Protein backbone atom coordinates (compact mmCIF):
# COMPACT_ATOMS: atom_id res chain seq x y z
CA MET A 1 -294.09 -0.06 78.02
CA PRO A 2 -294.42 3.24 77.35
CA SER A 3 -291.34 3.41 74.44
CA PRO A 4 -288.04 4.41 75.47
CA SER A 5 -287.88 7.62 72.46
CA GLY A 6 -291.49 9.63 74.62
CA SER A 7 -289.83 8.87 77.97
CA PRO A 8 -288.67 12.32 79.82
CA ASN A 9 -285.27 12.43 82.29
CA GLY A 10 -287.04 14.53 84.66
CA LEU A 11 -284.55 16.62 85.19
CA SER A 12 -285.83 19.84 83.40
CA ALA A 13 -286.19 22.66 85.30
CA ASN A 14 -289.30 23.14 83.58
CA ARG A 15 -291.64 19.95 84.07
CA VAL A 16 -294.75 20.68 85.88
CA GLU A 17 -295.16 17.93 88.18
CA SER A 18 -298.84 16.22 87.87
CA GLY A 19 -298.64 14.30 91.66
CA SER A 20 -298.37 10.71 90.25
CA PRO A 21 -295.75 8.81 92.13
CA GLY A 22 -293.42 9.11 89.17
CA ASP A 23 -294.08 12.85 89.54
CA VAL A 24 -293.16 11.96 93.68
CA LEU A 25 -290.27 10.52 92.68
CA GLN A 26 -288.68 12.87 90.30
CA LEU A 27 -289.13 15.84 93.05
CA ILE A 28 -286.62 13.74 95.19
CA ARG A 29 -284.91 12.30 92.99
CA ARG A 30 -283.90 16.03 92.17
CA GLY A 31 -283.05 16.87 95.32
CA ALA A 32 -286.62 18.82 95.22
CA ALA A 33 -287.78 17.62 98.01
CA THR A 34 -286.88 15.53 101.52
CA SER A 35 -290.23 14.85 103.35
CA ARG A 36 -293.71 14.65 102.85
CA THR A 37 -293.68 17.50 103.76
CA ASP A 38 -291.69 19.39 101.12
CA LEU A 39 -293.73 17.01 98.53
CA ALA A 40 -296.77 18.31 99.83
CA ARG A 41 -296.07 21.98 99.93
CA LEU A 42 -294.74 21.14 95.86
CA THR A 43 -297.49 19.31 94.55
CA GLY A 44 -299.95 21.13 96.54
CA LEU A 45 -301.71 17.30 96.85
CA ALA A 46 -302.87 16.49 100.69
CA ARG A 47 -300.27 14.96 103.04
CA SER A 48 -302.54 11.53 103.47
CA THR A 49 -301.77 11.44 99.03
CA ILE A 50 -298.28 12.00 99.47
CA SER A 51 -298.40 9.26 102.55
CA GLN A 52 -299.33 7.18 99.75
CA ARG A 53 -297.18 7.83 96.95
CA VAL A 54 -294.11 7.64 99.45
CA ASP A 55 -295.09 4.50 100.62
CA ALA A 56 -295.97 2.86 97.17
CA LEU A 57 -292.30 4.25 96.29
CA ILE A 58 -290.71 2.50 99.32
CA ALA A 59 -292.69 -0.40 99.24
CA HIS A 60 -291.71 -1.48 95.71
CA GLY A 61 -288.19 -0.73 96.59
CA LEU A 62 -287.14 3.12 94.89
CA ALA A 63 -287.09 5.06 97.80
CA VAL A 64 -286.03 4.76 100.89
CA GLU A 65 -287.11 6.94 104.28
CA THR A 66 -284.51 7.59 106.80
CA ASP A 67 -283.64 9.38 110.28
CA ASP A 68 -280.94 11.28 109.38
CA GLY A 69 -283.05 14.89 109.44
CA GLU A 70 -281.76 17.59 111.46
CA SER A 71 -283.52 18.32 114.28
CA THR A 72 -284.94 22.06 115.09
CA GLY A 73 -286.72 21.11 118.08
CA GLY A 74 -289.09 17.66 118.86
CA ARG A 75 -288.79 14.71 116.78
CA PRO A 76 -286.37 14.78 113.89
CA PRO A 77 -287.71 14.32 110.64
CA LYS A 78 -287.25 11.38 107.92
CA LEU A 79 -285.13 12.13 105.13
CA LEU A 80 -286.69 10.90 101.76
CA ARG A 81 -283.99 9.74 98.81
CA LEU A 82 -283.67 7.31 95.60
CA SER A 83 -282.91 3.82 96.86
CA THR A 84 -279.64 3.02 95.17
CA ASP A 85 -278.64 -0.10 96.78
CA ASP A 86 -280.43 -2.65 95.39
CA ASN A 87 -280.92 -0.68 91.81
CA VAL A 88 -277.85 -0.56 89.39
CA VAL A 89 -278.20 -0.09 85.58
CA LEU A 90 -275.22 -1.44 82.80
CA GLY A 91 -273.65 1.53 80.97
CA VAL A 92 -271.95 0.25 77.70
CA ASP A 93 -269.80 1.82 74.96
CA LEU A 94 -269.24 0.37 72.26
CA GLY A 95 -266.34 1.36 69.60
CA ALA A 96 -264.35 0.52 66.27
CA THR A 97 -261.67 -1.32 68.82
CA HIS A 98 -262.96 -1.16 72.70
CA CYS A 99 -265.71 -1.73 74.99
CA ARG A 100 -266.18 0.06 77.55
CA LEU A 101 -268.76 -0.34 80.87
CA ALA A 102 -269.91 1.00 83.93
CA LEU A 103 -272.43 0.00 86.55
CA MET A 104 -273.80 2.97 88.38
CA ASP A 105 -276.74 3.38 90.39
CA ILE A 106 -280.01 4.81 90.01
CA GLY A 107 -278.92 8.05 91.85
CA GLY A 108 -275.77 7.80 88.52
CA ALA A 109 -272.63 6.79 91.00
CA VAL A 110 -270.22 4.87 89.10
CA LEU A 111 -269.39 1.83 90.93
CA ALA A 112 -267.29 0.08 88.61
CA VAL A 113 -265.89 0.64 85.27
CA ARG A 114 -264.24 -1.93 83.06
CA GLU A 115 -263.02 -1.63 79.25
CA ASP A 116 -261.53 -4.24 77.16
CA PRO A 117 -259.80 -4.01 73.17
CA ILE A 118 -261.96 -5.73 70.86
CA LEU A 119 -263.21 -5.06 66.87
CA ILE A 120 -266.97 -4.22 66.64
CA SER A 121 -266.74 -6.25 62.85
CA ASP A 122 -266.53 -8.92 64.40
CA GLY A 123 -269.73 -9.05 65.20
CA PRO A 124 -272.88 -8.89 67.40
CA ASP A 125 -272.58 -12.34 68.68
CA VAL A 126 -269.24 -11.96 69.87
CA VAL A 127 -269.20 -8.35 70.99
CA LEU A 128 -272.18 -8.41 72.85
CA GLY A 129 -271.56 -12.25 74.21
CA HIS A 130 -268.15 -10.42 75.79
CA VAL A 131 -270.75 -7.97 77.28
CA ASP A 132 -272.28 -9.71 79.22
CA ARG A 133 -270.03 -11.76 80.76
CA ALA A 134 -267.85 -8.63 81.44
CA LEU A 135 -271.51 -7.24 82.81
CA HIS A 136 -270.85 -9.75 85.23
CA ASP A 137 -267.62 -9.60 86.52
CA LEU A 138 -268.99 -6.01 87.11
CA LEU A 139 -271.69 -7.32 89.04
CA GLU A 140 -269.49 -9.89 90.91
CA SER A 141 -266.53 -7.69 91.50
CA THR A 142 -269.25 -4.93 93.35
CA GLY A 143 -271.54 -7.49 94.95
CA ARG A 144 -274.27 -7.22 93.61
CA PRO A 145 -276.70 -10.19 92.21
CA VAL A 146 -277.76 -10.20 88.94
CA GLU A 147 -281.32 -9.76 90.46
CA THR A 148 -280.32 -5.74 91.37
CA LEU A 149 -280.10 -4.84 87.32
CA ARG A 150 -282.41 -2.95 86.08
CA THR A 151 -281.67 -1.51 82.66
CA ILE A 152 -279.02 -1.24 79.84
CA GLY A 153 -277.93 1.93 78.52
CA ILE A 154 -276.02 0.85 74.82
CA GLY A 155 -273.64 3.51 72.59
CA VAL A 156 -272.86 2.31 69.17
CA PRO A 157 -270.72 3.30 66.82
CA GLY A 158 -273.78 3.67 63.81
CA PRO A 159 -276.94 4.64 62.64
CA VAL A 160 -279.89 3.43 65.56
CA GLU A 161 -283.45 2.81 65.61
CA PHE A 162 -283.98 3.86 68.89
CA ALA A 163 -287.14 2.58 68.88
CA SER A 164 -286.37 -0.56 67.45
CA GLY A 165 -282.41 -0.68 69.34
CA ARG A 166 -282.03 -2.40 65.90
CA LEU A 167 -278.27 -0.86 63.60
CA ILE A 168 -278.90 0.16 60.28
CA ASN A 169 -276.63 0.51 57.46
CA PRO A 170 -274.32 1.08 60.22
CA PRO A 171 -271.04 1.26 57.77
CA ILE A 172 -268.22 -0.05 60.09
CA MET A 173 -270.41 -2.72 61.79
CA PRO A 174 -270.66 -6.07 58.97
CA GLY A 175 -272.82 -8.77 60.60
CA TRP A 176 -275.19 -5.55 62.42
CA ASN A 177 -277.06 -4.31 60.23
CA GLU A 178 -280.86 -4.74 61.24
CA TYR A 179 -279.46 -6.68 64.78
CA ALA A 180 -282.01 -5.59 67.10
CA ILE A 181 -279.53 -5.30 70.37
CA PRO A 182 -282.20 -5.57 73.40
CA ASP A 183 -283.73 -8.50 72.19
CA PHE A 184 -279.81 -10.61 73.13
CA PHE A 185 -280.43 -9.14 76.12
CA THR A 186 -284.11 -9.40 76.43
CA ARG A 187 -283.44 -13.61 76.09
CA ARG A 188 -280.98 -13.41 78.86
CA TYR A 189 -282.50 -10.86 81.33
CA ASP A 190 -285.90 -9.07 82.80
CA VAL A 191 -284.42 -5.15 81.93
CA ARG A 192 -285.43 -3.31 79.24
CA VAL A 193 -282.26 -1.86 76.99
CA LEU A 194 -282.14 0.44 75.40
CA VAL A 195 -279.87 1.48 72.10
CA ASP A 196 -278.33 4.62 71.15
CA ASN A 197 -276.24 6.05 68.57
CA ASP A 198 -272.99 7.11 70.34
CA VAL A 199 -272.63 11.04 69.48
CA ASN A 200 -276.61 11.43 71.74
CA VAL A 201 -274.86 9.46 74.69
CA LEU A 202 -272.09 11.81 74.23
CA ALA A 203 -273.82 14.17 74.08
CA LEU A 204 -275.89 13.50 77.49
CA GLY A 205 -272.60 12.35 79.25
CA GLU A 206 -271.24 15.09 78.62
CA GLN A 207 -274.25 17.08 79.75
CA ARG A 208 -274.80 15.45 83.43
CA LEU A 209 -271.14 15.28 84.35
CA CYS A 210 -270.32 18.55 83.14
CA TYR A 211 -273.17 21.41 82.03
CA PRO A 212 -275.43 19.70 84.49
CA ASP A 213 -277.76 23.11 83.63
CA ALA A 214 -277.54 23.34 80.12
CA GLN A 215 -281.09 23.30 78.46
CA TYR A 216 -279.84 23.10 74.80
CA LEU A 217 -276.54 21.70 74.04
CA LEU A 218 -275.20 20.23 71.14
CA PHE A 219 -272.29 18.08 71.16
CA VAL A 220 -269.88 17.62 67.67
CA LYS A 221 -267.71 14.40 67.40
CA ILE A 222 -265.31 14.57 65.50
CA GLY A 223 -263.40 11.46 64.44
CA THR A 224 -263.12 9.91 60.80
CA GLY A 225 -267.20 11.13 60.85
CA ILE A 226 -268.94 14.25 62.05
CA GLY A 227 -272.27 14.22 64.26
CA CYS A 228 -273.57 16.08 65.87
CA GLY A 229 -275.72 14.86 69.51
CA ILE A 230 -278.82 17.62 70.30
CA ILE A 231 -279.85 17.81 74.01
CA VAL A 232 -282.94 20.61 74.41
CA ASP A 233 -284.71 20.60 77.44
CA GLY A 234 -281.84 19.23 78.93
CA ARG A 235 -283.33 15.63 77.03
CA LEU A 236 -281.76 14.14 73.73
CA HIS A 237 -283.53 15.15 70.49
CA ARG A 238 -283.62 12.41 68.31
CA GLY A 239 -285.95 13.50 65.58
CA ALA A 240 -288.68 10.80 63.96
CA GLN A 241 -286.52 7.70 63.51
CA GLY A 242 -283.33 8.77 65.46
CA SER A 243 -281.41 10.23 63.01
CA ALA A 244 -281.90 13.94 64.41
CA GLY A 245 -277.42 15.85 64.15
CA ASP A 246 -276.22 13.84 61.48
CA ILE A 247 -274.19 17.38 60.49
CA GLY A 248 -271.65 15.26 59.00
CA HIS A 249 -273.59 14.97 55.87
CA ILE A 250 -274.37 18.67 54.94
CA ARG A 251 -273.65 19.33 51.68
CA VAL A 252 -271.05 21.97 51.95
CA SER A 253 -270.06 24.42 48.16
CA GLY A 254 -266.94 24.39 46.65
CA HIS A 255 -266.28 20.97 47.58
CA GLU A 256 -268.32 19.12 44.77
CA GLU A 257 -265.59 16.74 44.35
CA ALA A 258 -265.32 15.07 47.53
CA ALA A 259 -267.50 11.43 47.06
CA CYS A 260 -268.45 10.85 50.57
CA ARG A 261 -269.09 6.87 51.87
CA CYS A 262 -273.09 8.09 51.46
CA GLY A 263 -273.21 7.87 47.70
CA ASN A 264 -273.45 11.76 48.32
CA THR A 265 -270.93 14.14 47.16
CA ALA A 266 -269.75 17.22 48.65
CA CYS A 267 -270.89 15.91 52.57
CA LEU A 268 -269.11 17.68 55.52
CA GLU A 269 -267.52 14.58 56.50
CA ALA A 270 -265.94 14.10 53.24
CA VAL A 271 -264.14 16.74 53.61
CA ALA A 272 -263.02 17.49 56.66
CA GLY A 273 -263.44 14.32 58.49
CA GLY A 274 -260.24 12.64 60.04
CA GLY A 275 -260.44 10.38 57.35
CA ALA A 276 -260.79 13.04 55.19
CA LEU A 277 -257.63 15.45 56.33
CA ALA A 278 -255.88 12.25 56.55
CA GLN A 279 -256.48 11.49 52.59
CA ARG A 280 -255.74 14.44 52.17
CA VAL A 281 -252.15 15.55 54.24
CA THR A 282 -250.95 12.08 52.62
CA GLN A 283 -251.68 12.98 49.30
CA LEU A 284 -249.74 16.25 50.16
CA GLY A 285 -246.27 14.36 51.29
CA TYR A 286 -246.65 13.23 54.88
CA PRO A 287 -248.26 9.50 55.24
CA ALA A 288 -251.31 9.40 57.62
CA GLU A 289 -253.85 6.61 58.11
CA ASN A 290 -255.69 8.01 59.47
CA GLY A 291 -257.53 10.49 61.40
CA ARG A 292 -255.44 10.40 64.73
CA ALA A 293 -252.10 10.78 62.71
CA VAL A 294 -253.41 13.80 61.62
CA VAL A 295 -253.26 14.81 64.86
CA ASP A 296 -249.97 13.33 65.90
CA LEU A 297 -248.52 15.40 62.62
CA VAL A 298 -250.03 18.66 64.49
CA ALA A 299 -248.84 18.13 67.82
CA ALA A 300 -245.41 17.71 66.14
CA GLY A 301 -245.64 20.65 64.29
CA ASN A 302 -246.48 19.99 60.37
CA VAL A 303 -247.43 23.24 59.35
CA GLU A 304 -249.63 21.56 56.43
CA ALA A 305 -251.59 19.34 58.48
CA LEU A 306 -252.47 22.53 61.15
CA ARG A 307 -253.31 24.59 57.97
CA LEU A 308 -255.74 21.22 57.04
CA VAL A 309 -257.47 21.03 60.80
CA ARG A 310 -257.43 25.15 60.30
CA ASP A 311 -259.69 24.74 57.11
CA ALA A 312 -261.69 21.45 58.68
CA GLY A 313 -262.87 24.76 61.68
CA ARG A 314 -264.26 26.71 59.41
CA LEU A 315 -265.91 24.32 56.99
CA ILE A 316 -267.21 22.54 60.63
CA GLY A 317 -268.16 26.63 61.36
CA GLU A 318 -270.11 27.28 58.26
CA VAL A 319 -272.81 24.43 59.18
CA LEU A 320 -272.78 24.72 63.08
CA ALA A 321 -273.17 28.65 62.12
CA GLY A 322 -276.34 27.52 60.33
CA LEU A 323 -277.82 25.35 63.69
CA VAL A 324 -276.96 28.25 65.76
CA ASN A 325 -279.30 30.34 63.89
CA PHE A 326 -282.29 28.01 63.86
CA PHE A 327 -281.93 26.26 67.51
CA ASN A 328 -279.74 28.67 69.45
CA PRO A 329 -278.65 26.64 71.98
CA GLU A 330 -276.29 27.58 75.29
CA THR A 331 -273.19 25.25 74.61
CA ILE A 332 -271.62 23.91 71.68
CA VAL A 333 -269.07 20.80 73.11
CA VAL A 334 -266.81 19.13 70.04
CA GLY A 335 -265.32 16.25 71.39
CA GLY A 336 -264.13 13.26 69.27
CA VAL A 337 -260.42 12.09 68.45
CA MET A 338 -259.57 15.63 66.37
CA ALA A 339 -260.65 17.68 69.29
CA ARG A 340 -257.17 16.63 70.84
CA VAL A 341 -256.12 19.59 68.90
CA HIS A 342 -259.02 21.79 69.43
CA GLU A 343 -256.88 25.30 69.38
CA GLN A 344 -256.45 25.12 65.82
CA LEU A 345 -260.05 23.32 65.35
CA LEU A 346 -262.22 25.66 67.69
CA ALA A 347 -260.38 28.48 66.08
CA GLY A 348 -261.55 27.74 63.07
CA ILE A 349 -264.87 26.79 64.04
CA ARG A 350 -265.49 30.32 66.55
CA GLU A 351 -264.33 32.23 63.74
CA VAL A 352 -267.36 31.14 60.98
CA ILE A 353 -269.84 31.18 63.81
CA TYR A 354 -269.38 34.33 65.25
CA ARG A 355 -268.61 35.80 62.19
CA ARG A 356 -271.58 33.72 60.03
CA SER A 357 -274.36 33.87 62.76
CA LEU A 358 -276.82 36.27 65.13
CA PRO A 359 -275.71 38.29 67.33
CA LEU A 360 -278.43 37.60 69.91
CA ALA A 361 -277.97 33.48 69.28
CA THR A 362 -274.46 34.53 69.89
CA HIS A 363 -274.50 36.44 73.03
CA ASP A 364 -273.76 34.29 75.18
CA LEU A 365 -272.67 31.12 73.07
CA GLU A 366 -270.11 29.24 74.40
CA VAL A 367 -267.81 27.18 72.40
CA LEU A 368 -265.78 24.76 73.97
CA PRO A 369 -263.61 21.57 74.02
CA SER A 370 -264.86 18.22 75.93
CA ARG A 371 -264.10 18.14 79.04
CA SER A 372 -265.73 14.79 80.21
CA GLY A 373 -262.39 12.48 79.47
CA GLU A 374 -263.40 8.72 78.45
CA ASP A 375 -265.96 7.51 80.68
CA ALA A 376 -268.29 10.37 78.75
CA GLY A 377 -270.01 7.52 76.80
CA VAL A 378 -270.39 4.57 79.35
CA VAL A 379 -271.84 7.70 82.03
CA GLY A 380 -274.39 9.16 79.03
CA ALA A 381 -275.41 5.38 78.72
CA GLY A 382 -276.02 4.31 81.91
CA HIS A 383 -277.43 7.80 82.35
CA LEU A 384 -279.71 7.27 79.52
CA ALA A 385 -280.48 3.53 81.13
CA ILE A 386 -281.60 5.42 84.14
CA ASP A 387 -283.77 8.20 82.67
CA HIS A 388 -286.18 5.68 81.03
CA TYR A 389 -286.23 3.30 84.34
CA LEU A 390 -287.49 6.26 86.72
CA ALA A 391 -289.17 8.60 84.13
CA PRO A 392 -292.98 8.86 85.48
CA GLU A 393 -294.83 6.69 83.12
CA TYR A 394 -292.78 3.66 83.76
CA VAL A 395 -292.86 4.33 87.77
CA ASN A 396 -296.74 4.70 87.43
CA GLN A 397 -297.04 1.92 85.55
CA ALA A 398 -294.87 -0.61 86.91
CA LEU A 399 -296.88 1.05 90.90
CA LEU A 400 -299.35 -0.12 89.12
CA ARG A 401 -298.18 -4.42 88.20
């Protein structure tokens, strides 16, 4: 099995097709080719070779060929598309207090969504057992037998070693450290399981739902903590071990007294995260338990809360300005609970980014609030699963078995 961390999603416009069965499937998936004639033209392969590739994909249940084409005189052409009826994936978004699941076909269509309250602190056996039962309910409600399940994608609120699916010292997930989530499901199903941190699946969901043409995108989640999902060439970038984008622990000057849960001081999260803002506004005489309470104070017109949010935006903008100069994204999307006051927060972020970043890097840059809504996490987790299942190297290996 190829390493999930190296599996491309096949959606990049810059991809050069090699003509393998997996590459042929990518052309069909993208809609770039809807017939064998299209495939021969785009790949330069002989029609006999294309027929071999297509026949193998159909036999393996990955593609179907229908007589839906419009005739221009003579026999109507047969059209190719993904075989979606018998191929589904599960996307799972686990939060501190919720479990949201989406059953999707491999074309990306959402077949059913379900959300239940659950405490991540109850531990892996309780939480994943609930996911397992909910999966069966979704399959039954959509009339899909369990044999049609191909891959599971899971987003979790903690650091993940992506290659193994293990949680590494997750601060709000007691009992999950070093727990290999994929093993729970692979003991039950003959499927591959991919686990990533929540901000990465949010970034993927936002990109697929709202910015499908964006090749270079940053998704910044601002809640109790602060994290960043990175889209490069249309694909998630995780770094060597999966910790890329952990901007909440970048040091910000002038706040050396702020202690962070990571053991350092002056981390961005310890100064501008929702938890830090709640603590500061409480010290000013306006009790706030968490970032959501700070949002409520801003919505109620509390001047101190509004000032703190605007200042937090400027601090986040300082970090993002460095990323803009380094990475040159075309789009920055801000999500998370604190983004609900995006007018005040984004005003501070934009102010510093456009002042501190190079003009060429900000010429066409958009800094926007998240538009994907509550389904971004499960849709992103679902696409994580789809991208792996349809990756050319995985398809090529599957056809050899």
